[in-house]
Amino acid sequence: MTNAAAQHHVEAVRAITARHLGRYLELLTGIAARAGAADPHVLARQLRILVEGATVVAAHLGPAGAGEHGRRAALTLLSASTPDRRPRP
């Protein structure tokens, strides 16, 4: 989705992308809050960047390992934002 906004200078595409990323951020903020993150908004933004980056890497280099690496990175972020929890393998 980020590629669509960056590659097209059409306002309609940018608006759709912004709406999509905004809704995604709302979803991730809710998940972060339920997980007990100290600052759900910060964790949600970090997770959104992780998801978008993993999507781009998987699209350009192939999906092999992208999901597992993304999952581990997400658990690391979650662990750092919820000091009373430890990541599960």
Protein backbone atom coordinates (compact mmCIF):
# COMPACT_ATOMS: atom_id res chain seq x y z
CA MET A 1 0.00 0.00 0.00
CA THR A 2 2.83 2.38 0.79
CA ASN A 3 4.30 1.73 -2.65
CA ALA A 4 1.02 2.86 -4.20
CA ALA A 5 1.23 6.20 -2.42
CA ALA A 6 4.90 6.70 -3.21
CA GLN A 7 4.71 5.71 -6.86
CA HIS A 8 1.60 7.63 -7.83
CA HIS A 9 1.14 11.34 -7.56
CA VAL A 10 -2.60 11.12 -8.00
CA GLU A 11 -4.41 12.59 -5.02
CA ALA A 12 -7.09 9.89 -5.07
CA VAL A 13 -4.45 7.18 -4.66
CA ARG A 14 -2.82 9.07 -1.80
CA ALA A 15 -6.22 9.52 -0.09
CA ILE A 16 -7.04 5.82 -0.35
CA THR A 17 -3.61 4.90 0.98
CA ALA A 18 -3.89 7.35 3.89
CA ARG A 19 -7.33 5.97 4.79
CA HIS A 20 -6.04 2.38 4.62
CA LEU A 21 -2.99 3.13 6.77
CA GLY A 22 -5.13 5.06 9.24
CA ARG A 23 -7.53 2.14 9.65
CA TYR A 24 -4.61 -0.23 9.97
CA LEU A 25 -3.17 1.99 12.69
CA GLU A 26 -6.50 1.93 14.56
CA LEU A 27 -6.57 -1.87 14.40
CA LEU A 28 -2.97 -2.19 15.60
CA THR A 29 -3.55 0.37 18.37
CA GLY A 30 -6.43 -1.73 19.68
CA ILE A 31 -4.32 -4.88 19.57
CA ALA A 32 -1.44 -3.10 21.33
CA ALA A 33 -3.78 -1.80 24.04
CA ARG A 34 -5.25 -5.26 24.65
CA ALA A 35 -1.71 -6.67 24.83
CA GLY A 36 -0.93 -4.24 27.65
CA ALA A 37 1.53 -1.97 25.82
CA ALA A 38 2.73 0.97 27.88
CA ASP A 39 2.01 3.26 24.90
CA PRO A 40 -0.31 1.51 22.44
CA HIS A 41 -0.04 4.32 19.87
CA VAL A 42 3.75 4.05 19.68
CA LEU A 43 3.69 0.25 19.45
CA ALA A 44 0.99 0.41 16.78
CA ARG A 45 3.09 2.78 14.66
CA GLN A 46 6.11 0.52 15.04
CA LEU A 47 4.09 -2.55 14.07
CA ARG A 48 2.62 -0.75 11.06
CA ILE A 49 6.13 0.10 9.86
CA LEU A 50 7.16 -3.52 10.41
CA VAL A 51 4.19 -4.88 8.46
CA GLU A 52 4.67 -2.46 5.57
CA GLY A 53 8.40 -3.20 5.42
CA ALA A 54 7.88 -6.96 5.57
CA THR A 55 5.30 -6.70 2.80
CA VAL A 56 7.68 -4.77 0.56
CA VAL A 57 10.57 -7.16 1.23
CA ALA A 58 8.40 -10.22 0.60
CA ALA A 59 7.08 -8.71 -2.64
CA HIS A 60 10.53 -7.91 -3.97
CA LEU A 61 12.68 -10.71 -2.56
CA GLY A 62 10.13 -13.48 -2.10
CA PRO A 63 8.12 -14.56 0.90
CA ALA A 64 10.58 -17.16 2.21
CA GLY A 65 11.08 -16.42 5.89
CA ALA A 66 9.38 -13.02 5.80
CA GLY A 67 6.50 -14.13 7.99
CA GLU A 68 8.72 -15.73 10.61
CA HIS A 69 11.14 -12.81 10.72
CA GLY A 70 8.23 -10.40 10.96
CA ARG A 71 6.64 -12.42 13.77
CA ARG A 72 9.88 -12.45 15.76
CA ALA A 73 10.39 -8.72 15.24
CA ALA A 74 6.81 -8.06 16.36
CA LEU A 75 7.35 -10.13 19.50
CA THR A 76 10.51 -8.17 20.24
CA LEU A 77 8.61 -4.89 19.90
CA LEU A 78 5.79 -6.23 22.06
CA SER A 79 8.22 -7.39 24.72
CA ALA A 80 9.97 -4.02 24.78
CA SER A 81 6.67 -2.17 25.14
CA THR A 82 5.23 -4.48 27.81
CA PRO A 83 7.98 -4.92 30.41
CA ASP A 84 5.97 -7.44 32.43
CA ARG A 85 5.72 -9.87 29.49
CA ARG A 86 8.26 -12.06 27.74
CA PRO A 87 8.08 -13.01 24.06
CA ARG A 88 6.97 -16.52 23.24
CA PRO A 89 8.85 -18.41 20.53
